[in-house]
């Protein structure tokens, strides 16, 4: 599925206007970016970082805890309804000025 990022809660990893490819039902590990249903409003999706999995579900956090309107597990607790894992950011192809750079591949030396 495709998801468009809104808001600043995942800066610098994701910025408003980024489009993400999400694999539904994919296995989640701590540190992964995931899409989940917002507790209390299951029609709304949120993109957060999975921190740990406990008996009550996944603890999801925003990368930018100071973002206005930020909502994550610090507000609503563990989340059960994980829709999928973010596989990649596919748009925009080039990052805008002031956005976080793309990670570079490490070169192997012999």
C-alpha atoms as a PDB file:
ATOM      1  CA  UNK A   1       0.000   0.000   0.000  1.00  0.00           C
ATOM      2  CA  UNK A   2       1.037   3.620  -0.433  1.00  0.00           C
ATOM      3  CA  UNK A   3       0.969   6.234   2.340  1.00  0.00           C
ATOM      4  CA  UNK A   4       1.594   9.994   2.234  1.00  0.00           C
ATOM      5  CA  UNK A   5       3.346  11.568   5.224  1.00  0.00           C
ATOM      6  CA  UNK A   6       1.662  14.510   6.938  1.00  0.00           C
ATOM      7  CA  UNK A   7       3.010  16.460   9.888  1.00  0.00           C
ATOM      8  CA  UNK A   8       6.467  16.807  11.402  1.00  0.00           C
ATOM      9  CA  UNK A   9       6.448  14.037  14.019  1.00  0.00           C
ATOM     10  CA  UNK A  10       8.851  11.799  12.069  1.00  0.00           C
ATOM     11  CA  UNK A  11      11.424  14.460  11.117  1.00  0.00           C
ATOM     12  CA  UNK A  12      14.204  14.142  10.123  1.00  0.00           C
ATOM     13  CA  UNK A  13      13.620  10.623   8.720  1.00  0.00           C
ATOM     14  CA  UNK A  14      10.347  11.581   7.008  1.00  0.00           C
ATOM     15  CA  UNK A  15       8.986  14.967   6.041  1.00  0.00           C
ATOM     16  CA  UNK A  16       5.506  16.107   4.980  1.00  0.00           C
ATOM     17  CA  UNK A  17       4.843  15.159   1.380  1.00  0.00           C
ATOM     18  CA  UNK A  18       6.985  12.006   1.391  1.00  0.00           C
ATOM     19  CA  UNK A  19       5.272   8.974  -0.145  1.00  0.00           C
ATOM     20  CA  UNK A  20       5.981   5.551   1.377  1.00  0.00           C
ATOM     21  CA  UNK A  21       5.570   1.996   0.191  1.00  0.00           C
ATOM     22  CA  UNK A  22       4.190  -0.155   3.014  1.00  0.00           C
ATOM     23  CA  UNK A  23       4.154  -3.949   3.127  1.00  0.00           C
ATOM     24  CA  UNK A  24       0.949  -5.059   4.832  1.00  0.00           C
ATOM     25  CA  UNK A  25       1.332  -7.723   7.500  1.00  0.00           C
ATOM     26  CA  UNK A  26       5.147  -7.731   7.313  1.00  0.00           C
ATOM     27  CA  UNK A  27       7.158  -8.798  10.337  1.00  0.00           C
ATOM     28  CA  UNK A  28       8.150  -5.865  12.540  1.00  0.00           C
ATOM     29  CA  UNK A  29      11.375  -5.469  14.502  1.00  0.00           C
ATOM     30  CA  UNK A  30      12.362  -2.732  16.943  1.00  0.00           C
ATOM     31  CA  UNK A  31      13.580   0.305  15.004  1.00  0.00           C
ATOM     32  CA  UNK A  32      11.339  -0.303  11.973  1.00  0.00           C
ATOM     33  CA  UNK A  33       9.038   2.404  10.659  1.00  0.00           C
ATOM     34  CA  UNK A  34       5.474   1.134  10.717  1.00  0.00           C
ATOM     35  CA  UNK A  35       1.971   2.215   9.773  1.00  0.00           C
ATOM     36  CA  UNK A  36      -0.676   1.599  12.431  1.00  0.00           C
ATOM     37  CA  UNK A  37      -4.288   2.524  13.062  1.00  0.00           C
ATOM     38  CA  UNK A  38      -4.659   5.411  15.492  1.00  0.00           C
ATOM     39  CA  UNK A  39      -6.197   4.105  18.738  1.00  0.00           C
ATOM     40  CA  UNK A  40      -9.581   5.721  19.240  1.00  0.00           C
ATOM     41  CA  UNK A  41      -9.887   6.589  15.514  1.00  0.00           C
ATOM     42  CA  UNK A  42      -9.199   3.406  13.489  1.00  0.00           C
ATOM     43  CA  UNK A  43      -9.967   5.166  10.192  1.00  0.00           C
ATOM     44  CA  UNK A  44      -6.814   7.262  10.654  1.00  0.00           C
ATOM     45  CA  UNK A  45      -3.340   5.860   9.976  1.00  0.00           C
ATOM     46  CA  UNK A  46      -0.135   6.933  11.704  1.00  0.00           C
ATOM     47  CA  UNK A  47       3.524   6.392  10.765  1.00  0.00           C
ATOM     48  CA  UNK A  48       5.776   5.771  13.760  1.00  0.00           C
ATOM     49  CA  UNK A  49       8.935   3.951  14.817  1.00  0.00           C
ATOM     50  CA  UNK A  50       8.407   0.595  16.547  1.00  0.00           C
ATOM     51  CA  UNK A  51      10.427   0.665  19.776  1.00  0.00           C
ATOM     52  CA  UNK A  52       9.585  -2.614  21.525  1.00  0.00           C
ATOM     53  CA  UNK A  53       6.918  -5.279  21.667  1.00  0.00           C
ATOM     54  CA  UNK A  54       5.354  -6.181  24.998  1.00  0.00           C
ATOM     55  CA  UNK A  55       2.431  -8.283  26.147  1.00  0.00           C
ATOM     56  CA  UNK A  56       0.057  -5.377  25.383  1.00  0.00           C
ATOM     57  CA  UNK A  57       1.333  -4.623  21.854  1.00  0.00           C
ATOM     58  CA  UNK A  58       3.924  -2.452  20.144  1.00  0.00           C
ATOM     59  CA  UNK A  59       5.254   0.709  21.733  1.00  0.00           C
ATOM     60  CA  UNK A  60       5.389   3.287  18.917  1.00  0.00           C
ATOM     61  CA  UNK A  61       7.239   6.589  19.113  1.00  0.00           C
ATOM     62  CA  UNK A  62       7.669   9.700  17.001  1.00  0.00           C
ATOM     63  CA  UNK A  63      11.224  10.616  15.985  1.00  0.00           C
ATOM     64  CA  UNK A  64      10.456  14.285  16.716  1.00  0.00           C
ATOM     65  CA  UNK A  65       8.927  14.421  20.190  1.00  0.00           C
ATOM     66  CA  UNK A  66       8.617  18.226  19.989  1.00  0.00           C
ATOM     67  CA  UNK A  67       6.435  18.286  16.870  1.00  0.00           C
ATOM     68  CA  UNK A  68       3.130  20.073  17.247  1.00  0.00           C
ATOM     69  CA  UNK A  69       0.209  17.642  17.275  1.00  0.00           C
ATOM     70  CA  UNK A  70       2.491  14.645  17.810  1.00  0.00           C
ATOM     71  CA  UNK A  71       0.645  11.532  19.016  1.00  0.00           C
ATOM     72  CA  UNK A  72       2.329   8.234  19.868  1.00  0.00           C
ATOM     73  CA  UNK A  73       2.408   5.566  22.572  1.00  0.00           C
ATOM     74  CA  UNK A  74       3.346   8.180  25.165  1.00  0.00           C
ATOM     75  CA  UNK A  75      -0.211   9.455  24.637  1.00  0.00           C
ATOM     76  CA  UNK A  76      -2.242   6.290  24.015  1.00  0.00           C
ATOM     77  CA  UNK A  77      -0.088   3.347  25.177  1.00  0.00           C
ATOM     78  CA  UNK A  78       0.851   0.167  23.278  1.00  0.00           C
ATOM     79  CA  UNK A  79      -0.713  -0.446  19.863  1.00  0.00           C
ATOM     80  CA  UNK A  80      -2.104  -3.752  18.591  1.00  0.00           C
ATOM     81  CA  UNK A  81      -3.273  -2.736  15.144  1.00  0.00           C
ATOM     82  CA  UNK A  82      -0.082  -2.552  13.043  1.00  0.00           C
ATOM     83  CA  UNK A  83      -1.052  -2.334   9.370  1.00  0.00           C
ATOM     84  CA  UNK A  84       2.422  -2.884   7.939  1.00  0.00           C
ATOM     85  CA  UNK A  85       6.117  -2.041   7.802  1.00  0.00           C
ATOM     86  CA  UNK A  86       7.500   0.830   5.724  1.00  0.00           C
ATOM     87  CA  UNK A  87       9.637  -0.649   2.949  1.00  0.00           C
ATOM     88  CA  UNK A  88      10.858   2.558   1.290  1.00  0.00           C
ATOM     89  CA  UNK A  89      10.283   6.209   0.609  1.00  0.00           C
ATOM     90  CA  UNK A  90       9.688   6.485  -3.118  1.00  0.00           C
ATOM     91  CA  UNK A  91       8.765  10.152  -3.534  1.00  0.00           C
ATOM     92  CA  UNK A  92      10.203  12.680  -3.868  1.00  0.00           C
ATOM     93  CA  UNK A  93      13.114  11.171  -5.752  1.00  0.00           C
ATOM     94  CA  UNK A  94      15.446  13.922  -4.545  1.00  0.00           C
ATOM     95  CA  UNK A  95      15.364  15.342  -1.022  1.00  0.00           C
ATOM     96  CA  UNK A  96      14.524  18.994  -0.627  1.00  0.00           C
ATOM     97  CA  UNK A  97      16.937  21.481   0.912  1.00  0.00           C
ATOM     98  CA  UNK A  98      16.935  21.232   4.685  1.00  0.00           C
ATOM     99  CA  UNK A  99      15.623  17.651   4.758  1.00  0.00           C
ATOM    100  CA  UNK A 100      17.651  14.773   6.147  1.00  0.00           C
ATOM    101  CA  UNK A 101      20.084  13.255   3.648  1.00  0.00           C
ATOM    102  CA  UNK A 102      19.605   9.748   2.334  1.00  0.00           C
ATOM    103  CA  UNK A 103      21.869   7.175   3.970  1.00  0.00           C
ATOM    104  CA  UNK A 104      24.914   6.352   1.891  1.00  0.00           C
ATOM    105  CA  UNK A 105      25.892   2.837   1.051  1.00  0.00           C
ATOM    106  CA  UNK A 106      29.120   1.728   2.608  1.00  0.00           C
ATOM    107  CA  UNK A 107      31.872   0.862   0.232  1.00  0.00           C
ATOM    108  CA  UNK A 108      33.592  -2.403   0.826  1.00  0.00           C
ATOM    109  CA  UNK A 109      37.334  -2.300   0.855  1.00  0.00           C
ATOM    110  CA  UNK A 110      39.508  -5.258   0.122  1.00  0.00           C
END
